[in-house]
Amino acid sequence: MNIAMLIVSIVMVVMAVILVAVVLLQSGKTAGIAGAIGGGADTFLAKNKARTLDAKLARSTKWIAVAFLVLSLVLAIMSTRWL
């Protein structure tokens, strides 16, 4: 096993654990029928919704998922090249 593959594998495992933690920290988006009826007032009054913790977690989930996908592709290419 090459040292580069070992490093990428370790980084990928760390990214997977971080991705799972970030997804589990997010709150649920379903509010049932009450959220469907009263949801308009909630979004109107929430002007700083992009600054909340849920918005930051959602944004970080997207970036971590993209990095995880890129690392998966790199690891697959490295494993076929050095196999």
PDB file of N, CA and C in Angstrom:
ATOM      1  N   MET A   1       0.843  -1.174   0.000  1.00  0.00           N
ATOM      2  CA  MET A   1       0.000   0.000   0.000  1.00  0.00           C
ATOM      3  C   MET A   1       0.887   1.235   0.000  1.00  0.00           C
ATOM      4  N   ASN A   2       0.600   2.111  -0.866  1.00  0.00           N
ATOM      5  CA  ASN A   2       1.380   3.321  -1.006  1.00  0.00           C
ATOM      6  C   ASN A   2       1.051   4.296   0.129  1.00  0.00           C
ATOM      7  N   ILE A   3       2.002   5.129   0.464  1.00  0.00           N
ATOM      8  CA  ILE A   3       1.806   6.102   1.547  1.00  0.00           C
ATOM      9  C   ILE A   3       0.743   7.129   1.182  1.00  0.00           C
ATOM     10  N   ALA A   4       0.644   7.484  -0.101  1.00  0.00           N
ATOM     11  CA  ALA A   4      -0.384   8.439  -0.532  1.00  0.00           C
ATOM     12  C   ALA A   4      -1.782   7.851  -0.382  1.00  0.00           C
ATOM     13  N   MET A   5      -1.928   6.574  -0.714  1.00  0.00           N
ATOM     14  CA  MET A   5      -3.228   5.927  -0.536  1.00  0.00           C
ATOM     15  C   MET A   5      -3.600   5.825   0.932  1.00  0.00           C
ATOM     16  N   LEU A   6      -2.623   5.591   1.776  1.00  0.00           N
ATOM     17  CA  LEU A   6      -2.878   5.525   3.214  1.00  0.00           C
ATOM     18  C   LEU A   6      -3.351   6.871   3.747  1.00  0.00           C
ATOM     19  N   ILE A   7      -2.702   7.936   3.318  1.00  0.00           N
ATOM     20  CA  ILE A   7      -3.084   9.284   3.760  1.00  0.00           C
ATOM     21  C   ILE A   7      -4.479   9.638   3.279  1.00  0.00           C
ATOM     22  N   VAL A   8      -4.771   9.352   1.993  1.00  0.00           N
ATOM     23  CA  VAL A   8      -6.098   9.653   1.442  1.00  0.00           C
ATOM     24  C   VAL A   8      -7.161   8.814   2.141  1.00  0.00           C
ATOM     25  N   SER A   9      -6.852   7.570   2.473  1.00  0.00           N
ATOM     26  CA  SER A   9      -7.809   6.711   3.171  1.00  0.00           C
ATOM     27  C   SER A   9      -8.108   7.237   4.579  1.00  0.00           C
ATOM     28  N   ILE A  10      -7.076   7.683   5.273  1.00  0.00           N
ATOM     29  CA  ILE A  10      -7.283   8.228   6.615  1.00  0.00           C
ATOM     30  C   ILE A  10      -8.106   9.509   6.557  1.00  0.00           C
ATOM     31  N   VAL A  11      -7.798  10.377   5.601  1.00  0.00           N
ATOM     32  CA  VAL A  11      -8.565  11.617   5.448  1.00  0.00           C
ATOM     33  C   VAL A  11     -10.019  11.300   5.091  1.00  0.00           C
ATOM     34  N   MET A  12     -10.221  10.270   4.275  1.00  0.00           N
ATOM     35  CA  MET A  12     -11.579   9.907   3.880  1.00  0.00           C
ATOM     36  C   MET A  12     -12.384   9.370   5.062  1.00  0.00           C
ATOM     37  N   VAL A  13     -11.770   8.603   5.926  1.00  0.00           N
ATOM     38  CA  VAL A  13     -12.469   8.102   7.112  1.00  0.00           C
ATOM     39  C   VAL A  13     -12.828   9.257   8.047  1.00  0.00           C
ATOM     40  N   VAL A  14     -11.912  10.196   8.218  1.00  0.00           N
ATOM     41  CA  VAL A  14     -12.192  11.368   9.056  1.00  0.00           C
ATOM     42  C   VAL A  14     -13.330  12.193   8.454  1.00  0.00           C
ATOM     43  N   MET A  15     -13.307  12.370   7.117  1.00  0.00           N
ATOM     44  CA  MET A  15     -14.381  13.122   6.450  1.00  0.00           C
ATOM     45  C   MET A  15     -15.721  12.408   6.599  1.00  0.00           C
ATOM     46  N   ALA A  16     -15.726  11.087   6.562  1.00  0.00           N
ATOM     47  CA  ALA A  16     -16.966  10.330   6.726  1.00  0.00           C
ATOM     48  C   ALA A  16     -17.551  10.519   8.120  1.00  0.00           C
ATOM     49  N   VAL A  17     -16.689  10.493   9.124  1.00  0.00           N
ATOM     50  CA  VAL A  17     -17.162  10.694  10.497  1.00  0.00           C
ATOM     51  C   VAL A  17     -17.700  12.113  10.679  1.00  0.00           C
ATOM     52  N   ILE A  18     -17.008  13.089  10.114  1.00  0.00           N
ATOM     53  CA  ILE A  18     -17.472  14.481  10.204  1.00  0.00           C
ATOM     54  C   ILE A  18     -18.794  14.657   9.473  1.00  0.00           C
ATOM     55  N   LEU A  19     -18.938  14.027   8.310  1.00  0.00           N
ATOM     56  CA  LEU A  19     -20.179  14.130   7.539  1.00  0.00           C
ATOM     57  C   LEU A  19     -21.346  13.533   8.312  1.00  0.00           C
ATOM     58  N   VAL A  20     -21.145  12.395   8.933  1.00  0.00           N
ATOM     59  CA  VAL A  20     -22.206  11.777   9.730  1.00  0.00           C
ATOM     60  C   VAL A  20     -22.577  12.675  10.907  1.00  0.00           C
ATOM     61  N   ALA A  21     -21.593  13.247  11.569  1.00  0.00           N
ATOM     62  CA  ALA A  21     -21.865  14.118  12.721  1.00  0.00           C
ATOM     63  C   ALA A  21     -22.632  15.367  12.309  1.00  0.00           C
ATOM     64  N   VAL A  22     -22.255  15.967  11.183  1.00  0.00           N
ATOM     65  CA  VAL A  22     -22.929  17.191  10.734  1.00  0.00           C
ATOM     66  C   VAL A  22     -24.370  16.887  10.332  1.00  0.00           C
ATOM     67  N   VAL A  23     -24.590  15.762   9.681  1.00  0.00           N
ATOM     68  CA  VAL A  23     -25.953  15.406   9.287  1.00  0.00           C
ATOM     69  C   VAL A  23     -26.810  15.124  10.521  1.00  0.00           C
ATOM     70  N   LEU A  24     -26.256  14.455  11.514  1.00  0.00           N
ATOM     71  CA  LEU A  24     -27.030  14.158  12.718  1.00  0.00           C
ATOM     72  C   LEU A  24     -27.313  15.391  13.561  1.00  0.00           C
ATOM     73  N   LEU A  25     -26.492  16.420  13.454  1.00  0.00           N
ATOM     74  CA  LEU A  25     -26.720  17.644  14.231  1.00  0.00           C
ATOM     75  C   LEU A  25     -27.826  18.523  13.651  1.00  0.00           C
ATOM     76  N   GLN A  26     -28.201  18.297  12.400  1.00  0.00           N
ATOM     77  CA  GLN A  26     -29.238  19.118  11.788  1.00  0.00           C
ATOM     78  C   GLN A  26     -30.604  18.748  12.344  1.00  0.00           C
ATOM     79  N   SER A  27     -31.479  19.756  12.386  1.00  0.00           N
ATOM     80  CA  SER A  27     -32.833  19.493  12.860  1.00  0.00           C
ATOM     81  C   SER A  27     -33.703  19.042  11.692  1.00  0.00           C
ATOM     82  N   GLY A  28     -34.796  18.378  12.009  1.00  0.00           N
ATOM     83  CA  GLY A  28     -35.700  17.869  10.979  1.00  0.00           C
ATOM     84  C   GLY A  28     -36.442  19.001  10.290  1.00  0.00           C
ATOM     85  N   LYS A  29     -36.776  18.793   9.034  1.00  0.00           N
ATOM     86  CA  LYS A  29     -37.476  19.821   8.262  1.00  0.00           C
ATOM     87  C   LYS A  29     -38.983  19.598   8.218  1.00  0.00           C
ATOM     88  N   THR A  30     -39.462  18.452   8.649  1.00  0.00           N
ATOM     89  CA  THR A  30     -40.889  18.171   8.584  1.00  0.00           C
ATOM     90  C   THR A  30     -41.569  18.672   9.839  1.00  0.00           C
ATOM     91  N   ALA A  31     -42.661  19.392   9.639  1.00  0.00           N
ATOM     92  CA  ALA A  31     -43.421  19.908  10.767  1.00  0.00           C
ATOM     93  C   ALA A  31     -44.870  19.440  10.706  1.00  0.00           C
ATOM     94  N   GLY A  32     -45.203  18.581   9.758  1.00  0.00           N
ATOM     95  CA  GLY A  32     -46.563  18.067   9.650  1.00  0.00           C
ATOM     96  C   GLY A  32     -47.507  19.096   9.057  1.00  0.00           C
ATOM     97  N   ILE A  33     -48.778  18.992   9.379  1.00  0.00           N
ATOM     98  CA  ILE A  33     -49.800  19.881   8.824  1.00  0.00           C
ATOM     99  C   ILE A  33     -49.690  21.285   9.401  1.00  0.00           C
ATOM    100  N   ALA A  34     -49.222  21.411  10.629  1.00  0.00           N
ATOM    101  CA  ALA A  34     -49.072  22.733  11.239  1.00  0.00           C
ATOM    102  C   ALA A  34     -47.993  23.539  10.514  1.00  0.00           C
ATOM    103  N   GLY A  35     -46.958  22.885  10.051  1.00  0.00           N
ATOM    104  CA  GLY A  35     -45.919  23.583   9.313  1.00  0.00           C
ATOM    105  C   GLY A  35     -46.383  23.990   7.926  1.00  0.00           C
ATOM    106  N   ALA A  36     -47.286  23.219   7.336  1.00  0.00           N
ATOM    107  CA  ALA A  36     -47.804  23.557   6.017  1.00  0.00           C
ATOM    108  C   ALA A  36     -48.745  24.756   6.088  1.00  0.00           C
ATOM    109  N   ILE A  37     -49.522  24.853   7.149  1.00  0.00           N
ATOM    110  CA  ILE A  37     -50.476  25.957   7.276  1.00  0.00           C
ATOM    111  C   ILE A  37     -49.784  27.221   7.779  1.00  0.00           C
ATOM    112  N   GLY A  38     -49.011  27.109   8.824  1.00  0.00           N
ATOM    113  CA  GLY A  38     -48.394  28.289   9.429  1.00  0.00           C
ATOM    114  C   GLY A  38     -46.977  28.536   8.974  1.00  0.00           C
ATOM    115  N   GLY A  39     -46.515  27.868   7.959  1.00  0.00           N
ATOM    116  CA  GLY A  39     -45.136  28.003   7.521  1.00  0.00           C
ATOM    117  C   GLY A  39     -44.826  29.325   6.853  1.00  0.00           C
ATOM    118  N   GLY A  40     -45.824  29.984   6.273  1.00  0.00           N
ATOM    119  CA  GLY A  40     -45.594  31.255   5.588  1.00  0.00           C
ATOM    120  C   GLY A  40     -45.173  32.360   6.533  1.00  0.00           C
ATOM    121  N   ALA A  41     -45.794  32.418   7.711  1.00  0.00           N
ATOM    122  CA  ALA A  41     -45.447  33.445   8.689  1.00  0.00           C
ATOM    123  C   ALA A  41     -44.047  33.205   9.246  1.00  0.00           C
ATOM    124  N   ASP A  42     -43.696  31.961   9.373  1.00  0.00           N
ATOM    125  CA  ASP A  42     -42.372  31.637   9.912  1.00  0.00           C
ATOM    126  C   ASP A  42     -41.268  32.091   8.965  1.00  0.00           C
ATOM    127  N   THR A  43     -41.438  31.872   7.681  1.00  0.00           N
ATOM    128  CA  THR A  43     -40.408  32.279   6.733  1.00  0.00           C
ATOM    129  C   THR A  43     -40.405  33.789   6.538  1.00  0.00           C
ATOM    130  N   PHE A  44     -41.560  34.444   6.709  1.00  0.00           N
ATOM    131  CA  PHE A  44     -41.612  35.897   6.570  1.00  0.00           C
ATOM    132  C   PHE A  44     -40.897  36.583   7.725  1.00  0.00           C
ATOM    133  N   LEU A  45     -41.048  36.045   8.919  1.00  0.00           N
ATOM    134  CA  LEU A  45     -40.456  36.676  10.095  1.00  0.00           C
ATOM    135  C   LEU A  45     -38.988  36.325  10.287  1.00  0.00           C
ATOM    136  N   ALA A  46     -38.532  35.261   9.650  1.00  0.00           N
ATOM    137  CA  ALA A  46     -37.148  34.820   9.823  1.00  0.00           C
ATOM    138  C   ALA A  46     -36.259  35.462   8.760  1.00  0.00           C
ATOM    139  N   LYS A  47     -35.871  36.708   8.988  1.00  0.00           N
ATOM    140  CA  LYS A  47     -35.039  37.426   8.019  1.00  0.00           C
ATOM    141  C   LYS A  47     -33.598  36.934   8.036  1.00  0.00           C
ATOM    142  N   ASN A  48     -33.094  36.549   9.176  1.00  0.00           N
ATOM    143  CA  ASN A  48     -31.701  36.109   9.313  1.00  0.00           C
ATOM    144  C   ASN A  48     -31.591  34.587   9.321  1.00  0.00           C
ATOM    145  N   LYS A  49     -32.379  33.951   8.474  1.00  0.00           N
ATOM    146  CA  LYS A  49     -32.382  32.492   8.465  1.00  0.00           C
ATOM    147  C   LYS A  49     -31.057  31.921   7.972  1.00  0.00           C
ATOM    148  N   ALA A  50     -30.348  32.651   7.132  1.00  0.00           N
ATOM    149  CA  ALA A  50     -29.068  32.173   6.614  1.00  0.00           C
ATOM    150  C   ALA A  50     -27.975  32.191   7.676  1.00  0.00           C
ATOM    151  N   ARG A  51     -28.209  32.880   8.771  1.00  0.00           N
ATOM    152  CA  ARG A  51     -27.198  32.974   9.834  1.00  0.00           C
ATOM    153  C   ARG A  51     -27.426  31.982  10.962  1.00  0.00           C
ATOM    154  N   THR A  52     -28.471  31.195  10.876  1.00  0.00           N
ATOM    155  CA  THR A  52     -28.761  30.246  11.955  1.00  0.00           C
ATOM    156  C   THR A  52     -27.804  29.065  11.898  1.00  0.00           C
ATOM    157  N   LEU A  53     -27.810  28.293  12.959  1.00  0.00           N
ATOM    158  CA  LEU A  53     -26.945  27.120  13.038  1.00  0.00           C
ATOM    159  C   LEU A  53     -27.346  26.071  12.002  1.00  0.00           C
ATOM    160  N   ASP A  54     -28.654  25.915  11.776  1.00  0.00           N
ATOM    161  CA  ASP A  54     -29.103  24.939  10.779  1.00  0.00           C
ATOM    162  C   ASP A  54     -28.644  25.313   9.378  1.00  0.00           C
ATOM    163  N   ALA A  55     -28.646  26.589   9.054  1.00  0.00           N
ATOM    164  CA  ALA A  55     -28.187  27.013   7.739  1.00  0.00           C
ATOM    165  C   ALA A  55     -26.689  26.773   7.572  1.00  0.00           C
ATOM    166  N   LYS A  56     -25.937  27.024   8.633  1.00  0.00           N
ATOM    167  CA  LYS A  56     -24.491  26.776   8.575  1.00  0.00           C
ATOM    168  C   LYS A  56     -24.197  25.280   8.465  1.00  0.00           C
ATOM    169  N   LEU A  57     -24.967  24.474   9.175  1.00  0.00           N
ATOM    170  CA  LEU A  57     -24.784  23.030   9.084  1.00  0.00           C
ATOM    171  C   LEU A  57     -25.158  22.506   7.701  1.00  0.00           C
ATOM    172  N   ALA A  58     -26.222  23.046   7.116  1.00  0.00           N
ATOM    173  CA  ALA A  58     -26.625  22.618   5.780  1.00  0.00           C
ATOM    174  C   ALA A  58     -25.565  22.996   4.752  1.00  0.00           C
ATOM    175  N   ARG A  59     -25.010  24.195   4.888  1.00  0.00           N
ATOM    176  CA  ARG A  59     -23.962  24.636   3.970  1.00  0.00           C
ATOM    177  C   ARG A  59     -22.700  23.789   4.130  1.00  0.00           C
ATOM    178  N   SER A  60     -22.346  23.493   5.358  1.00  0.00           N
ATOM    179  CA  SER A  60     -21.142  22.680   5.571  1.00  0.00           C
ATOM    180  C   SER A  60     -21.366  21.234   5.123  1.00  0.00           C
ATOM    181  N   THR A  61     -22.606  20.743   5.217  1.00  0.00           N
ATOM    182  CA  THR A  61     -22.898  19.393   4.737  1.00  0.00           C
ATOM    183  C   THR A  61     -22.645  19.285   3.245  1.00  0.00           C
ATOM    184  N   LYS A  62     -23.042  20.309   2.508  1.00  0.00           N
ATOM    185  CA  LYS A  62     -22.825  20.286   1.054  1.00  0.00           C
ATOM    186  C   LYS A  62     -21.344  20.259   0.719  1.00  0.00           C
ATOM    187  N   TRP A  63     -20.563  21.084   1.387  1.00  0.00           N
ATOM    188  CA  TRP A  63     -19.129  21.142   1.072  1.00  0.00           C
ATOM    189  C   TRP A  63     -18.394  19.882   1.511  1.00  0.00           C
ATOM    190  N   ILE A  64     -18.768  19.326   2.654  1.00  0.00           N
ATOM    191  CA  ILE A  64     -18.130  18.097   3.105  1.00  0.00           C
ATOM    192  C   ILE A  64     -18.503  16.936   2.199  1.00  0.00           C
ATOM    193  N   ALA A  65     -19.754  16.904   1.740  1.00  0.00           N
ATOM    194  CA  ALA A  65     -20.169  15.841   0.819  1.00  0.00           C
ATOM    195  C   ALA A  65     -19.419  15.928  -0.507  1.00  0.00           C
ATOM    196  N   VAL A  66     -19.211  17.135  -1.017  1.00  0.00           N
ATOM    197  CA  VAL A  66     -18.449  17.304  -2.260  1.00  0.00           C
ATOM    198  C   VAL A  66     -17.008  16.855  -2.055  1.00  0.00           C
ATOM    199  N   ALA A  67     -16.416  17.226  -0.937  1.00  0.00           N
ATOM    200  CA  ALA A  67     -15.036  16.804  -0.655  1.00  0.00           C
ATOM    201  C   ALA A  67     -14.951  15.285  -0.496  1.00  0.00           C
ATOM    202  N   PHE A  68     -15.960  14.677   0.112  1.00  0.00           N
ATOM    203  CA  PHE A  68     -15.984  13.230   0.261  1.00  0.00           C
ATOM    204  C   PHE A  68     -16.092  12.548  -1.099  1.00  0.00           C
ATOM    205  N   LEU A  69     -16.904  13.098  -1.988  1.00  0.00           N
ATOM    206  CA  LEU A  69     -17.039  12.545  -3.329  1.00  0.00           C
ATOM    207  C   LEU A  69     -15.729  12.650  -4.096  1.00  0.00           C
ATOM    208  N   VAL A  70     -15.074  13.784  -4.011  1.00  0.00           N
ATOM    209  CA  VAL A  70     -13.796  13.974  -4.710  1.00  0.00           C
ATOM    210  C   VAL A  70     -12.741  13.019  -4.151  1.00  0.00           C
ATOM    211  N   LEU A  71     -12.697  12.871  -2.832  1.00  0.00           N
ATOM    212  CA  LEU A  71     -11.746  11.939  -2.232  1.00  0.00           C
ATOM    213  C   LEU A  71     -12.041  10.497  -2.643  1.00  0.00           C
ATOM    214  N   SER A  72     -13.312  10.155  -2.785  1.00  0.00           N
ATOM    215  CA  SER A  72     -13.661   8.808  -3.237  1.00  0.00           C
ATOM    216  C   SER A  72     -13.168   8.559  -4.648  1.00  0.00           C
ATOM    217  N   LEU A  73     -13.353   9.549  -5.521  1.00  0.00           N
ATOM    218  CA  LEU A  73     -12.869   9.412  -6.894  1.00  0.00           C
ATOM    219  C   LEU A  73     -11.344   9.326  -6.948  1.00  0.00           C
ATOM    220  N   VAL A  74     -10.675  10.139  -6.153  1.00  0.00           N
ATOM    221  CA  VAL A  74      -9.210  10.106  -6.115  1.00  0.00           C
ATOM    222  C   VAL A  74      -8.715   8.752  -5.622  1.00  0.00           C
ATOM    223  N   LEU A  75      -9.351   8.239  -4.589  1.00  0.00           N
ATOM    224  CA  LEU A  75      -8.944   6.942  -4.057  1.00  0.00           C
ATOM    225  C   LEU A  75      -9.205   5.817  -5.059  1.00  0.00           C
ATOM    226  N   ALA A  76     -10.317   5.892  -5.797  1.00  0.00           N
ATOM    227  CA  ALA A  76     -10.607   4.875  -6.812  1.00  0.00           C
ATOM    228  C   ALA A  76      -9.590   4.924  -7.950  1.00  0.00           C
ATOM    229  N   ILE A  77      -9.238   6.124  -8.371  1.00  0.00           N
ATOM    230  CA  ILE A  77      -8.246   6.266  -9.441  1.00  0.00           C
ATOM    231  C   ILE A  77      -6.877   5.782  -8.964  1.00  0.00           C
ATOM    232  N   MET A  78      -6.527   6.121  -7.732  1.00  0.00           N
ATOM    233  CA  MET A  78      -5.236   5.692  -7.194  1.00  0.00           C
ATOM    234  C   MET A  78      -5.163   4.173  -7.040  1.00  0.00           C
ATOM    235  N   SER A  79      -6.265   3.557  -6.647  1.00  0.00           N
ATOM    236  CA  SER A  79      -6.247   2.118  -6.430  1.00  0.00           C
ATOM    237  C   SER A  79      -6.173   1.356  -7.756  1.00  0.00           C
ATOM    238  N   THR A  80      -6.779   1.875  -8.820  1.00  0.00           N
ATOM    239  CA  THR A  80      -6.681   1.203 -10.106  1.00  0.00           C
ATOM    240  C   THR A  80      -5.319   1.434 -10.731  1.00  0.00           C
ATOM    241  N   ARG A  81      -4.716   2.556 -10.458  1.00  0.00           N
ATOM    242  CA  ARG A  81      -3.402   2.852 -11.037  1.00  0.00           C
ATOM    243  C   ARG A  81      -2.300   2.026 -10.402  1.00  0.00           C
ATOM    244  N   TRP A  82      -2.360   1.850  -9.071  1.00  0.00           N
ATOM    245  CA  TRP A  82      -1.282   1.172  -8.365  1.00  0.00           C
ATOM    246  C   TRP A  82      -1.595  -0.278  -7.994  1.00  0.00           C
ATOM    247  N   LEU A  83      -2.633  -0.834  -8.555  1.00  0.00           N
ATOM    248  CA  LEU A  83      -2.987  -2.197  -8.206  1.00  0.00           C
ATOM    249  C   LEU A  83      -2.216  -3.226  -8.955  1.00  0.00           C
TER     250      LEU A  83
END
